[in-house]
Amino acid sequence: MNRGQTTLLKCLYESEGPIRKAEVVDRIREGDARSFGGVLGAFSNRVNYTADITGSPGYEAFVGRREIDGEEYFELREEARKAIDGISELQSAFERDMDELLDYQGVPVEFDS
């Protein structure tokens, strides 16, 4: 799992509720909205090409998106939170400081159904 996807999941996992898209973009892509779109696209491909996932739910299988007071917010779906709790590699990665993860090359994670 590349660092963009890892930092996205860490940001949402550590959030205590919905978090503004602008804040997520600032934290994991230094305000670069275009780069953030690439993270979401890559994560969508990872989800859609995972065995046993039907349809094409994309990143929204893990991440909820909604509008609050005219601003876009993201939050980790509860099912995703539970799945992440069972992946020791991600838990270990999440223990790292966000700045360290941003420089990290990725987390070797295999997703089984």
PDB file of N, CA and C in Angstrom:
ATOM      1  N   MET A   1       0.860  -1.169   0.000  1.00  0.00           N
ATOM      2  CA  MET A   1       0.000   0.000   0.000  1.00  0.00           C
ATOM      3  C   MET A   1       0.901   1.225   0.000  1.00  0.00           C
ATOM      4  N   ASN A   2       0.698   2.115  -0.941  1.00  0.00           N
ATOM      5  CA  ASN A   2       1.601   3.257  -1.050  1.00  0.00           C
ATOM      6  C   ASN A   2       1.361   4.281   0.065  1.00  0.00           C
ATOM      7  N   ARG A   3       2.284   5.215   0.173  1.00  0.00           N
ATOM      8  CA  ARG A   3       2.214   6.174   1.287  1.00  0.00           C
ATOM      9  C   ARG A   3       0.998   7.081   1.214  1.00  0.00           C
ATOM     10  N   GLY A   4       0.527   7.422   0.009  1.00  0.00           N
ATOM     11  CA  GLY A   4      -0.662   8.259  -0.103  1.00  0.00           C
ATOM     12  C   GLY A   4      -1.876   7.578   0.512  1.00  0.00           C
ATOM     13  N   GLN A   5      -2.057   6.309   0.185  1.00  0.00           N
ATOM     14  CA  GLN A   5      -3.187   5.560   0.731  1.00  0.00           C
ATOM     15  C   GLN A   5      -3.021   5.338   2.231  1.00  0.00           C
ATOM     16  N   THR A   6      -1.784   5.061   2.648  1.00  0.00           N
ATOM     17  CA  THR A   6      -1.516   4.841   4.070  1.00  0.00           C
ATOM     18  C   THR A   6      -1.780   6.107   4.871  1.00  0.00           C
ATOM     19  N   THR A   7      -1.308   7.253   4.372  1.00  0.00           N
ATOM     20  CA  THR A   7      -1.519   8.495   5.121  1.00  0.00           C
ATOM     21  C   THR A   7      -2.989   8.910   5.105  1.00  0.00           C
ATOM     22  N   LEU A   8      -3.697   8.641   4.012  1.00  0.00           N
ATOM     23  CA  LEU A   8      -5.139   8.922   3.971  1.00  0.00           C
ATOM     24  C   LEU A   8      -5.847   8.124   5.052  1.00  0.00           C
ATOM     25  N   LEU A   9      -5.578   6.820   5.092  1.00  0.00           N
ATOM     26  CA  LEU A   9      -6.240   5.979   6.087  1.00  0.00           C
ATOM     27  C   LEU A   9      -5.849   6.377   7.514  1.00  0.00           C
ATOM     28  N   LYS A  10      -4.589   6.715   7.742  1.00  0.00           N
ATOM     29  CA  LYS A  10      -4.150   7.148   9.069  1.00  0.00           C
ATOM     30  C   LYS A  10      -4.885   8.424   9.476  1.00  0.00           C
ATOM     31  N   CYS A  11      -4.947   9.385   8.580  1.00  0.00           N
ATOM     32  CA  CYS A  11      -5.621  10.655   8.864  1.00  0.00           C
ATOM     33  C   CYS A  11      -7.072  10.421   9.257  1.00  0.00           C
ATOM     34  N   LEU A  12      -7.765   9.605   8.487  1.00  0.00           N
ATOM     35  CA  LEU A  12      -9.183   9.342   8.762  1.00  0.00           C
ATOM     36  C   LEU A  12      -9.365   8.451   9.985  1.00  0.00           C
ATOM     37  N   TYR A  13      -8.476   7.499  10.175  1.00  0.00           N
ATOM     38  CA  TYR A  13      -8.544   6.583  11.318  1.00  0.00           C
ATOM     39  C   TYR A  13      -8.399   7.352  12.625  1.00  0.00           C
ATOM     40  N   GLU A  14      -7.511   8.329  12.646  1.00  0.00           N
ATOM     41  CA  GLU A  14      -7.254   9.089  13.860  1.00  0.00           C
ATOM     42  C   GLU A  14      -8.272  10.196  14.103  1.00  0.00           C
ATOM     43  N   SER A  15      -9.058  10.508  13.096  1.00  0.00           N
ATOM     44  CA  SER A  15     -10.070  11.549  13.240  1.00  0.00           C
ATOM     45  C   SER A  15     -11.220  11.033  14.107  1.00  0.00           C
ATOM     46  N   GLU A  16     -11.747  11.908  14.925  1.00  0.00           N
ATOM     47  CA  GLU A  16     -12.849  11.517  15.808  1.00  0.00           C
ATOM     48  C   GLU A  16     -14.207  11.763  15.174  1.00  0.00           C
ATOM     49  N   GLY A  17     -14.241  11.930  13.906  1.00  0.00           N
ATOM     50  CA  GLY A  17     -15.485  12.163  13.185  1.00  0.00           C
ATOM     51  C   GLY A  17     -15.155  12.683  11.806  1.00  0.00           C
ATOM     52  N   PRO A  18     -16.151  13.227  11.121  1.00  0.00           N
ATOM     53  CA  PRO A  18     -15.897  13.757   9.784  1.00  0.00           C
ATOM     54  C   PRO A  18     -14.822  14.846   9.830  1.00  0.00           C
ATOM     55  N   ILE A  19     -13.978  14.858   8.814  1.00  0.00           N
ATOM     56  CA  ILE A  19     -12.899  15.836   8.725  1.00  0.00           C
ATOM     57  C   ILE A  19     -12.984  16.531   7.375  1.00  0.00           C
ATOM     58  N   ARG A  20     -12.816  17.851   7.386  1.00  0.00           N
ATOM     59  CA  ARG A  20     -12.916  18.628   6.150  1.00  0.00           C
ATOM     60  C   ARG A  20     -11.916  18.132   5.113  1.00  0.00           C
ATOM     61  N   LYS A  21     -12.374  18.053   3.874  1.00  0.00           N
ATOM     62  CA  LYS A  21     -11.506  17.625   2.782  1.00  0.00           C
ATOM     63  C   LYS A  21     -10.254  18.493   2.737  1.00  0.00           C
ATOM     64  N   ALA A  22     -10.413  19.798   2.888  1.00  0.00           N
ATOM     65  CA  ALA A  22      -9.260  20.702   2.828  1.00  0.00           C
ATOM     66  C   ALA A  22      -8.227  20.345   3.891  1.00  0.00           C
ATOM     67  N   GLU A  23      -8.669  19.940   5.058  1.00  0.00           N
ATOM     68  CA  GLU A  23      -7.738  19.557   6.122  1.00  0.00           C
ATOM     69  C   GLU A  23      -7.010  18.262   5.763  1.00  0.00           C
ATOM     70  N   VAL A  24      -7.749  17.302   5.201  1.00  0.00           N
ATOM     71  CA  VAL A  24      -7.120  16.045   4.778  1.00  0.00           C
ATOM     72  C   VAL A  24      -6.066  16.334   3.708  1.00  0.00           C
ATOM     73  N   VAL A  25      -6.421  17.141   2.716  1.00  0.00           N
ATOM     74  CA  VAL A  25      -5.496  17.486   1.640  1.00  0.00           C
ATOM     75  C   VAL A  25      -4.258  18.168   2.210  1.00  0.00           C
ATOM     76  N   ASP A  26      -4.438  19.079   3.148  1.00  0.00           N
ATOM     77  CA  ASP A  26      -3.294  19.758   3.763  1.00  0.00           C
ATOM     78  C   ASP A  26      -2.397  18.776   4.509  1.00  0.00           C
ATOM     79  N   ARG A  27      -2.993  17.855   5.246  1.00  0.00           N
ATOM     80  CA  ARG A  27      -2.208  16.931   6.068  1.00  0.00           C
ATOM     81  C   ARG A  27      -1.439  15.905   5.254  1.00  0.00           C
ATOM     82  N   ILE A  28      -2.058  15.386   4.195  1.00  0.00           N
ATOM     83  CA  ILE A  28      -1.391  14.270   3.505  1.00  0.00           C
ATOM     84  C   ILE A  28      -0.790  14.647   2.160  1.00  0.00           C
ATOM     85  N   ARG A  29      -1.158  15.807   1.601  1.00  0.00           N
ATOM     86  CA  ARG A  29      -0.623  16.190   0.281  1.00  0.00           C
ATOM     87  C   ARG A  29      -0.178  17.648   0.252  1.00  0.00           C
ATOM     88  N   GLU A  30       0.061  18.233   1.414  1.00  0.00           N
ATOM     89  CA  GLU A  30       0.549  19.614   1.523  1.00  0.00           C
ATOM     90  C   GLU A  30      -0.294  20.593   0.717  1.00  0.00           C
ATOM     91  N   GLY A  31      -1.601  20.393   0.725  1.00  0.00           N
ATOM     92  CA  GLY A  31      -2.532  21.297   0.052  1.00  0.00           C
ATOM     93  C   GLY A  31      -2.702  21.068  -1.435  1.00  0.00           C
ATOM     94  N   ASP A  32      -2.062  20.060  -1.982  1.00  0.00           N
ATOM     95  CA  ASP A  32      -2.118  19.792  -3.415  1.00  0.00           C
ATOM     96  C   ASP A  32      -3.354  18.949  -3.739  1.00  0.00           C
ATOM     97  N   ALA A  33      -4.443  19.628  -4.117  1.00  0.00           N
ATOM     98  CA  ALA A  33      -5.713  18.946  -4.378  1.00  0.00           C
ATOM     99  C   ALA A  33      -5.617  17.985  -5.560  1.00  0.00           C
ATOM    100  N   ARG A  34      -4.829  18.329  -6.549  1.00  0.00           N
ATOM    101  CA  ARG A  34      -4.686  17.441  -7.718  1.00  0.00           C
ATOM    102  C   ARG A  34      -4.009  16.131  -7.306  1.00  0.00           C
ATOM    103  N   SER A  35      -2.970  16.234  -6.508  1.00  0.00           N
ATOM    104  CA  SER A  35      -2.269  15.050  -6.008  1.00  0.00           C
ATOM    105  C   SER A  35      -3.206  14.210  -5.139  1.00  0.00           C
ATOM    106  N   PHE A  36      -4.036  14.878  -4.364  1.00  0.00           N
ATOM    107  CA  PHE A  36      -5.006  14.175  -3.524  1.00  0.00           C
ATOM    108  C   PHE A  36      -5.983  13.388  -4.394  1.00  0.00           C
ATOM    109  N   GLY A  37      -6.395  13.956  -5.505  1.00  0.00           N
ATOM    110  CA  GLY A  37      -7.255  13.234  -6.438  1.00  0.00           C
ATOM    111  C   GLY A  37      -6.588  11.964  -6.944  1.00  0.00           C
ATOM    112  N   GLY A  38      -5.278  12.022  -7.128  1.00  0.00           N
ATOM    113  CA  GLY A  38      -4.518  10.840  -7.531  1.00  0.00           C
ATOM    114  C   GLY A  38      -4.522   9.763  -6.461  1.00  0.00           C
ATOM    115  N   VAL A  39      -4.441  10.184  -5.196  1.00  0.00           N
ATOM    116  CA  VAL A  39      -4.505   9.231  -4.078  1.00  0.00           C
ATOM    117  C   VAL A  39      -5.848   8.514  -4.094  1.00  0.00           C
ATOM    118  N   LEU A  40      -6.929   9.290  -4.251  1.00  0.00           N
ATOM    119  CA  LEU A  40      -8.268   8.685  -4.269  1.00  0.00           C
ATOM    120  C   LEU A  40      -8.436   7.752  -5.468  1.00  0.00           C
ATOM    121  N   GLY A  41      -7.898   8.157  -6.617  1.00  0.00           N
ATOM    122  CA  GLY A  41      -7.989   7.311  -7.812  1.00  0.00           C
ATOM    123  C   GLY A  41      -7.228   6.001  -7.646  1.00  0.00           C
ATOM    124  N   ALA A  42      -6.028   6.079  -7.102  1.00  0.00           N
ATOM    125  CA  ALA A  42      -5.228   4.867  -6.884  1.00  0.00           C
ATOM    126  C   ALA A  42      -5.889   3.953  -5.858  1.00  0.00           C
ATOM    127  N   PHE A  43      -6.441   4.554  -4.815  1.00  0.00           N
ATOM    128  CA  PHE A  43      -7.121   3.755  -3.787  1.00  0.00           C
ATOM    129  C   PHE A  43      -8.368   3.099  -4.373  1.00  0.00           C
ATOM    130  N   SER A  44      -9.081   3.820  -5.213  1.00  0.00           N
ATOM    131  CA  SER A  44     -10.260   3.254  -5.878  1.00  0.00           C
ATOM    132  C   SER A  44      -9.875   2.049  -6.724  1.00  0.00           C
ATOM    133  N   ASN A  45      -8.781   2.173  -7.468  1.00  0.00           N
ATOM    134  CA  ASN A  45      -8.319   1.041  -8.282  1.00  0.00           C
ATOM    135  C   ASN A  45      -7.960  -0.150  -7.406  1.00  0.00           C
ATOM    136  N   ARG A  46      -7.276   0.099  -6.298  1.00  0.00           N
ATOM    137  CA  ARG A  46      -6.898  -0.980  -5.378  1.00  0.00           C
ATOM    138  C   ARG A  46      -8.151  -1.714  -4.896  1.00  0.00           C
ATOM    139  N   VAL A  47      -9.161  -0.960  -4.508  1.00  0.00           N
ATOM    140  CA  VAL A  47     -10.401  -1.568  -4.011  1.00  0.00           C
ATOM    141  C   VAL A  47     -11.107  -2.319  -5.134  1.00  0.00           C
ATOM    142  N   ASN A  48     -11.273  -1.675  -6.274  1.00  0.00           N
ATOM    143  CA  ASN A  48     -12.040  -2.272  -7.372  1.00  0.00           C
ATOM    144  C   ASN A  48     -11.410  -3.533  -7.939  1.00  0.00           C
ATOM    145  N   TYR A  49     -10.089  -3.656  -7.852  1.00  0.00           N
ATOM    146  CA  TYR A  49      -9.409  -4.825  -8.392  1.00  0.00           C
ATOM    147  C   TYR A  49      -9.067  -5.857  -7.325  1.00  0.00           C
ATOM    148  N   THR A  50      -9.661  -5.711  -6.155  1.00  0.00           N
ATOM    149  CA  THR A  50      -9.472  -6.693  -5.088  1.00  0.00           C
ATOM    150  C   THR A  50     -10.438  -7.852  -5.314  1.00  0.00           C
ATOM    151  N   ALA A  51      -9.918  -9.067  -5.227  1.00  0.00           N
ATOM    152  CA  ALA A  51     -10.761 -10.257  -5.387  1.00  0.00           C
ATOM    153  C   ALA A  51     -11.899 -10.223  -4.375  1.00  0.00           C
ATOM    154  N   ASP A  52     -13.022 -10.719  -4.764  1.00  0.00           N
ATOM    155  CA  ASP A  52     -14.220 -10.834  -3.929  1.00  0.00           C
ATOM    156  C   ASP A  52     -14.957  -9.520  -3.694  1.00  0.00           C
ATOM    157  N   ILE A  53     -14.505  -8.435  -4.289  1.00  0.00           N
ATOM    158  CA  ILE A  53     -15.274  -7.189  -4.197  1.00  0.00           C
ATOM    159  C   ILE A  53     -16.094  -7.097  -5.476  1.00  0.00           C
ATOM    160  N   THR A  54     -17.379  -6.999  -5.307  1.00  0.00           N
ATOM    161  CA  THR A  54     -18.265  -6.932  -6.466  1.00  0.00           C
ATOM    162  C   THR A  54     -18.570  -5.481  -6.804  1.00  0.00           C
ATOM    163  N   GLY A  55     -18.807  -5.264  -8.075  1.00  0.00           N
ATOM    164  CA  GLY A  55     -19.077  -3.910  -8.523  1.00  0.00           C
ATOM    165  C   GLY A  55     -17.808  -3.081  -8.523  1.00  0.00           C
ATOM    166  N   SER A  56     -17.979  -1.781  -8.501  1.00  0.00           N
ATOM    167  CA  SER A  56     -16.848  -0.856  -8.499  1.00  0.00           C
ATOM    168  C   SER A  56     -17.085   0.236  -7.451  1.00  0.00           C
ATOM    169  N   PRO A  57     -17.002  -0.134  -6.171  1.00  0.00           N
ATOM    170  CA  PRO A  57     -17.293   0.864  -5.137  1.00  0.00           C
ATOM    171  C   PRO A  57     -16.206   1.915  -4.968  1.00  0.00           C
ATOM    172  N   GLY A  58     -14.995   1.638  -5.463  1.00  0.00           N
ATOM    173  CA  GLY A  58     -13.904   2.591  -5.327  1.00  0.00           C
ATOM    174  C   GLY A  58     -13.561   2.856  -3.872  1.00  0.00           C
ATOM    175  N   TYR A  59     -12.931   4.001  -3.649  1.00  0.00           N
ATOM    176  CA  TYR A  59     -12.502   4.340  -2.288  1.00  0.00           C
ATOM    177  C   TYR A  59     -13.671   4.470  -1.332  1.00  0.00           C
ATOM    178  N   GLU A  60     -14.877   4.715  -1.857  1.00  0.00           N
ATOM    179  CA  GLU A  60     -16.041   4.905  -0.991  1.00  0.00           C
ATOM    180  C   GLU A  60     -16.456   3.620  -0.275  1.00  0.00           C
ATOM    181  N   ALA A  61     -15.846   2.495  -0.624  1.00  0.00           N
ATOM    182  CA  ALA A  61     -16.065   1.278   0.157  1.00  0.00           C
ATOM    183  C   ALA A  61     -15.462   1.450   1.548  1.00  0.00           C
ATOM    184  N   PHE A  62     -14.445   2.285   1.661  1.00  0.00           N
ATOM    185  CA  PHE A  62     -13.761   2.540   2.933  1.00  0.00           C
ATOM    186  C   PHE A  62     -14.053   3.921   3.502  1.00  0.00           C
ATOM    187  N   VAL A  63     -14.276   4.887   2.623  1.00  0.00           N
ATOM    188  CA  VAL A  63     -14.351   6.285   3.025  1.00  0.00           C
ATOM    189  C   VAL A  63     -15.715   6.865   2.696  1.00  0.00           C
ATOM    190  N   GLY A  64     -16.353   7.414   3.719  1.00  0.00           N
ATOM    191  CA  GLY A  64     -17.612   8.108   3.510  1.00  0.00           C
ATOM    192  C   GLY A  64     -17.341   9.555   3.144  1.00  0.00           C
ATOM    193  N   ARG A  65     -18.175  10.097   2.296  1.00  0.00           N
ATOM    194  CA  ARG A  65     -18.019  11.479   1.848  1.00  0.00           C
ATOM    195  C   ARG A  65     -19.364  12.162   1.969  1.00  0.00           C
ATOM    196  N   ARG A  66     -19.376  13.375   2.547  1.00  0.00           N
ATOM    197  CA  ARG A  66     -20.634  14.112   2.655  1.00  0.00           C
ATOM    198  C   ARG A  66     -20.370  15.604   2.736  1.00  0.00           C
ATOM    199  N   GLU A  67     -21.423  16.353   2.544  1.00  0.00           N
ATOM    200  CA  GLU A  67     -21.322  17.803   2.613  1.00  0.00           C
ATOM    201  C   GLU A  67     -21.933  18.276   3.924  1.00  0.00           C
ATOM    202  N   ILE A  68     -21.207  19.163   4.591  1.00  0.00           N
ATOM    203  CA  ILE A  68     -21.685  19.768   5.831  1.00  0.00           C
ATOM    204  C   ILE A  68     -21.464  21.273   5.696  1.00  0.00           C
ATOM    205  N   ASP A  69     -22.543  22.041   5.799  1.00  0.00           N
ATOM    206  CA  ASP A  69     -22.465  23.506   5.685  1.00  0.00           C
ATOM    207  C   ASP A  69     -21.693  23.952   4.446  1.00  0.00           C
ATOM    208  N   GLY A  70     -21.950  23.284   3.326  1.00  0.00           N
ATOM    209  CA  GLY A  70     -21.346  23.675   2.064  1.00  0.00           C
ATOM    210  C   GLY A  70     -19.913  23.225   1.857  1.00  0.00           C
ATOM    211  N   GLU A  71     -19.354  22.459   2.795  1.00  0.00           N
ATOM    212  CA  GLU A  71     -17.984  21.963   2.650  1.00  0.00           C
ATOM    213  C   GLU A  71     -17.991  20.448   2.592  1.00  0.00           C
ATOM    214  N   GLU A  72     -17.045  19.902   1.828  1.00  0.00           N
ATOM    215  CA  GLU A  72     -16.928  18.455   1.683  1.00  0.00           C
ATOM    216  C   GLU A  72     -16.129  17.876   2.856  1.00  0.00           C
ATOM    217  N   TYR A  73     -16.658  16.799   3.405  1.00  0.00           N
ATOM    218  CA  TYR A  73     -16.029  16.116   4.532  1.00  0.00           C
ATOM    219  C   TYR A  73     -15.836  14.646   4.197  1.00  0.00           C
ATOM    220  N   PHE A  74     -14.820  14.056   4.813  1.00  0.00           N
ATOM    221  CA  PHE A  74     -14.537  12.634   4.678  1.00  0.00           C
ATOM    222  C   PHE A  74     -14.515  12.000   6.060  1.00  0.00           C
ATOM    223  N   GLU A  75     -14.859  10.720   6.100  1.00  0.00           N
ATOM    224  CA  GLU A  75     -14.709   9.962   7.340  1.00  0.00           C
ATOM    225  C   GLU A  75     -14.549   8.486   6.995  1.00  0.00           C
ATOM    226  N   LEU A  76     -13.842   7.794   7.856  1.00  0.00           N
ATOM    227  CA  LEU A  76     -13.624   6.369   7.666  1.00  0.00           C
ATOM    228  C   LEU A  76     -14.910   5.627   8.024  1.00  0.00           C
ATOM    229  N   ARG A  77     -15.354   4.758   7.149  1.00  0.00           N
ATOM    230  CA  ARG A  77     -16.543   3.959   7.444  1.00  0.00           C
ATOM    231  C   ARG A  77     -16.228   3.004   8.591  1.00  0.00           C
ATOM    232  N   GLU A  78     -17.233   2.703   9.384  1.00  0.00           N
ATOM    233  CA  GLU A  78     -17.039   1.840  10.558  1.00  0.00           C
ATOM    234  C   GLU A  78     -16.516   0.457  10.171  1.00  0.00           C
ATOM    235  N   GLU A  79     -17.008  -0.074   9.046  1.00  0.00           N
ATOM    236  CA  GLU A  79     -16.536  -1.382   8.582  1.00  0.00           C
ATOM    237  C   GLU A  79     -15.042  -1.331   8.256  1.00  0.00           C
ATOM    238  N   ALA A  80     -14.608  -0.224   7.677  1.00  0.00           N
ATOM    239  CA  ALA A  80     -13.195  -0.055   7.340  1.00  0.00           C
ATOM    240  C   ALA A  80     -12.353   0.056   8.608  1.00  0.00           C
ATOM    241  N   ARG A  81     -12.870   0.780   9.590  1.00  0.00           N
ATOM    242  CA  ARG A  81     -12.163   0.919  10.870  1.00  0.00           C
ATOM    243  C   ARG A  81     -11.939  -0.461  11.498  1.00  0.00           C
ATOM    244  N   LYS A  82     -12.968  -1.285  11.475  1.00  0.00           N
ATOM    245  CA  LYS A  82     -12.849  -2.636  12.040  1.00  0.00           C
ATOM    246  C   LYS A  82     -11.852  -3.473  11.247  1.00  0.00           C
ATOM    247  N   ALA A  83     -11.878  -3.345   9.930  1.00  0.00           N
ATOM    248  CA  ALA A  83     -10.938  -4.095   9.094  1.00  0.00           C
ATOM    249  C   ALA A  83      -9.503  -3.655   9.389  1.00  0.00           C
ATOM    250  N   ILE A  84      -9.283  -2.358   9.510  1.00  0.00           N
ATOM    251  CA  ILE A  84      -7.951  -1.834   9.793  1.00  0.00           C
ATOM    252  C   ILE A  84      -7.459  -2.316  11.153  1.00  0.00           C
ATOM    253  N   ASP A  85      -8.362  -2.419  12.111  1.00  0.00           N
ATOM    254  CA  ASP A  85      -7.984  -2.911  13.443  1.00  0.00           C
ATOM    255  C   ASP A  85      -7.369  -4.311  13.369  1.00  0.00           C
ATOM    256  N   GLY A  86      -7.711  -5.068  12.340  1.00  0.00           N
ATOM    257  CA  GLY A  86      -7.199  -6.423  12.199  1.00  0.00           C
ATOM    258  C   GLY A  86      -5.967  -6.553  11.304  1.00  0.00           C
ATOM    259  N   ILE A  87      -5.415  -5.432  10.844  1.00  0.00           N
ATOM    260  CA  ILE A  87      -4.256  -5.472   9.950  1.00  0.00           C
ATOM    261  C   ILE A  87      -3.052  -4.910  10.709  1.00  0.00           C
ATOM    262  N   SER A  88      -2.236  -5.812  11.217  1.00  0.00           N
ATOM    263  CA  SER A  88      -1.118  -5.397  12.073  1.00  0.00           C
ATOM    264  C   SER A  88      -0.130  -4.479  11.356  1.00  0.00           C
ATOM    265  N   GLU A  89       0.066  -4.687  10.049  1.00  0.00           N
ATOM    266  CA  GLU A  89       0.995  -3.843   9.300  1.00  0.00           C
ATOM    267  C   GLU A  89       0.541  -2.379   9.293  1.00  0.00           C
ATOM    268  N   LEU A  90      -0.754  -2.181   9.128  1.00  0.00           N
ATOM    269  CA  LEU A  90      -1.264  -0.804   9.151  1.00  0.00           C
ATOM    270  C   LEU A  90      -1.209  -0.227  10.561  1.00  0.00           C
ATOM    271  N   GLN A  91      -1.534  -1.031  11.558  1.00  0.00           N
ATOM    272  CA  GLN A  91      -1.452  -0.549  12.937  1.00  0.00           C
ATOM    273  C   GLN A  91      -0.031  -0.098  13.255  1.00  0.00           C
ATOM    274  N   SER A  92       0.955  -0.866  12.819  1.00  0.00           N
ATOM    275  CA  SER A  92       2.358  -0.494  13.036  1.00  0.00           C
ATOM    276  C   SER A  92       2.689   0.804  12.290  1.00  0.00           C
ATOM    277  N   ALA A  93       2.208   0.923  11.071  1.00  0.00           N
ATOM    278  CA  ALA A  93       2.459   2.144  10.296  1.00  0.00           C
ATOM    279  C   ALA A  93       1.802   3.347  10.962  1.00  0.00           C
ATOM    280  N   PHE A  94       0.613   3.167  11.491  1.00  0.00           N
ATOM    281  CA  PHE A  94      -0.111   4.274  12.115  1.00  0.00           C
ATOM    282  C   PHE A  94       0.576   4.775  13.379  1.00  0.00           C
ATOM    283  N   GLU A  95       1.452   3.969  13.959  1.00  0.00           N
ATOM    284  CA  GLU A  95       2.200   4.406  15.139  1.00  0.00           C
ATOM    285  C   GLU A  95       3.266   5.431  14.770  1.00  0.00           C
ATOM    286  N   ARG A  96       3.627   5.486  13.496  1.00  0.00           N
ATOM    287  CA  ARG A  96       4.619   6.456  13.035  1.00  0.00           C
ATOM    288  C   ARG A  96       3.999   7.846  12.967  1.00  0.00           C
ATOM    289  N   ASP A  97       4.829   8.839  13.139  1.00  0.00           N
ATOM    290  CA  ASP A  97       4.436  10.228  12.981  1.00  0.00           C
ATOM    291  C   ASP A  97       4.042  10.459  11.515  1.00  0.00           C
ATOM    292  N   MET A  98       3.069  11.315  11.262  1.00  0.00           N
ATOM    293  CA  MET A  98       2.597  11.581   9.904  1.00  0.00           C
ATOM    294  C   MET A  98       3.735  12.064   9.008  1.00  0.00           C
ATOM    295  N   ASP A  99       4.609  12.932   9.514  1.00  0.00           N
ATOM    296  CA  ASP A  99       5.729  13.406   8.701  1.00  0.00           C
ATOM    297  C   ASP A  99       6.636  12.256   8.284  1.00  0.00           C
ATOM    298  N   GLU A 100       6.865  11.330   9.194  1.00  0.00           N
ATOM    299  CA  GLU A 100       7.691  10.170   8.870  1.00  0.00           C
ATOM    300  C   GLU A 100       7.012   9.305   7.806  1.00  0.00           C
ATOM    301  N   LEU A 101       5.704   9.136   7.940  1.00  0.00           N
ATOM    302  CA  LEU A 101       4.969   8.338   6.948  1.00  0.00           C
ATOM    303  C   LEU A 101       4.976   8.995   5.570  1.00  0.00           C
ATOM    304  N   LEU A 102       4.940  10.310   5.544  1.00  0.00           N
ATOM    305  CA  LEU A 102       4.955  11.014   4.263  1.00  0.00           C
ATOM    306  C   LEU A 102       6.252  10.777   3.505  1.00  0.00           C
ATOM    307  N   ASP A 103       7.325  10.486   4.243  1.00  0.00           N
ATOM    308  CA  ASP A 103       8.611  10.178   3.615  1.00  0.00           C
ATOM    309  C   ASP A 103       8.812   8.684   3.390  1.00  0.00           C
ATOM    310  N   TYR A 104       7.922   7.886   3.926  1.00  0.00           N
ATOM    311  CA  TYR A 104       8.018   6.433   3.866  1.00  0.00           C
ATOM    312  C   TYR A 104       7.611   5.943   2.486  1.00  0.00           C
ATOM    313  N   GLN A 105       8.138   4.835   2.047  1.00  0.00           N
ATOM    314  CA  GLN A 105       7.858   4.328   0.707  1.00  0.00           C
ATOM    315  C   GLN A 105       6.608   3.456   0.622  1.00  0.00           C
ATOM    316  N   GLY A 106       6.001   3.137   1.723  1.00  0.00           N
ATOM    317  CA  GLY A 106       4.775   2.345   1.686  1.00  0.00           C
ATOM    318  C   GLY A 106       4.790   1.215   2.678  1.00  0.00           C
ATOM    319  N   VAL A 107       3.655   0.593   2.832  1.00  0.00           N
ATOM    320  CA  VAL A 107       3.470  -0.488   3.797  1.00  0.00           C
ATOM    321  C   VAL A 107       3.166  -1.760   3.029  1.00  0.00           C
ATOM    322  N   PRO A 108       3.959  -2.816   3.249  1.00  0.00           N
ATOM    323  CA  PRO A 108       3.670  -4.066   2.549  1.00  0.00           C
ATOM    324  C   PRO A 108       2.459  -4.754   3.182  1.00  0.00           C
ATOM    325  N   VAL A 109       1.304  -4.584   2.563  1.00  0.00           N
ATOM    326  CA  VAL A 109       0.056  -5.133   3.082  1.00  0.00           C
ATOM    327  C   VAL A 109      -0.576  -6.020   2.035  1.00  0.00           C
ATOM    328  N   GLU A 110      -0.958  -7.206   2.431  1.00  0.00           N
ATOM    329  CA  GLU A 110      -1.732  -8.090   1.570  1.00  0.00           C
ATOM    330  C   GLU A 110      -3.137  -8.155   2.136  1.00  0.00           C
ATOM    331  N   PHE A 111      -4.124  -7.882   1.309  1.00  0.00           N
ATOM    332  CA  PHE A 111      -5.509  -7.915   1.747  1.00  0.00           C
ATOM    333  C   PHE A 111      -6.137  -9.242   1.358  1.00  0.00           C
ATOM    334  N   ASP A 112      -6.560  -9.979   2.334  1.00  0.00           N
ATOM    335  CA  ASP A 112      -7.266 -11.233   2.092  1.00  0.00           C
ATOM    336  C   ASP A 112      -8.734 -11.004   2.374  1.00  0.00           C
ATOM    337  N   SER A 113      -9.577 -11.798   1.741  1.00  0.00           N
ATOM    338  CA  SER A 113     -11.017 -11.661   1.986  1.00  0.00           C
ATOM    339  C   SER A 113     -11.402 -12.356   3.262  1.00  0.00           C
TER     340      SER A 113
END
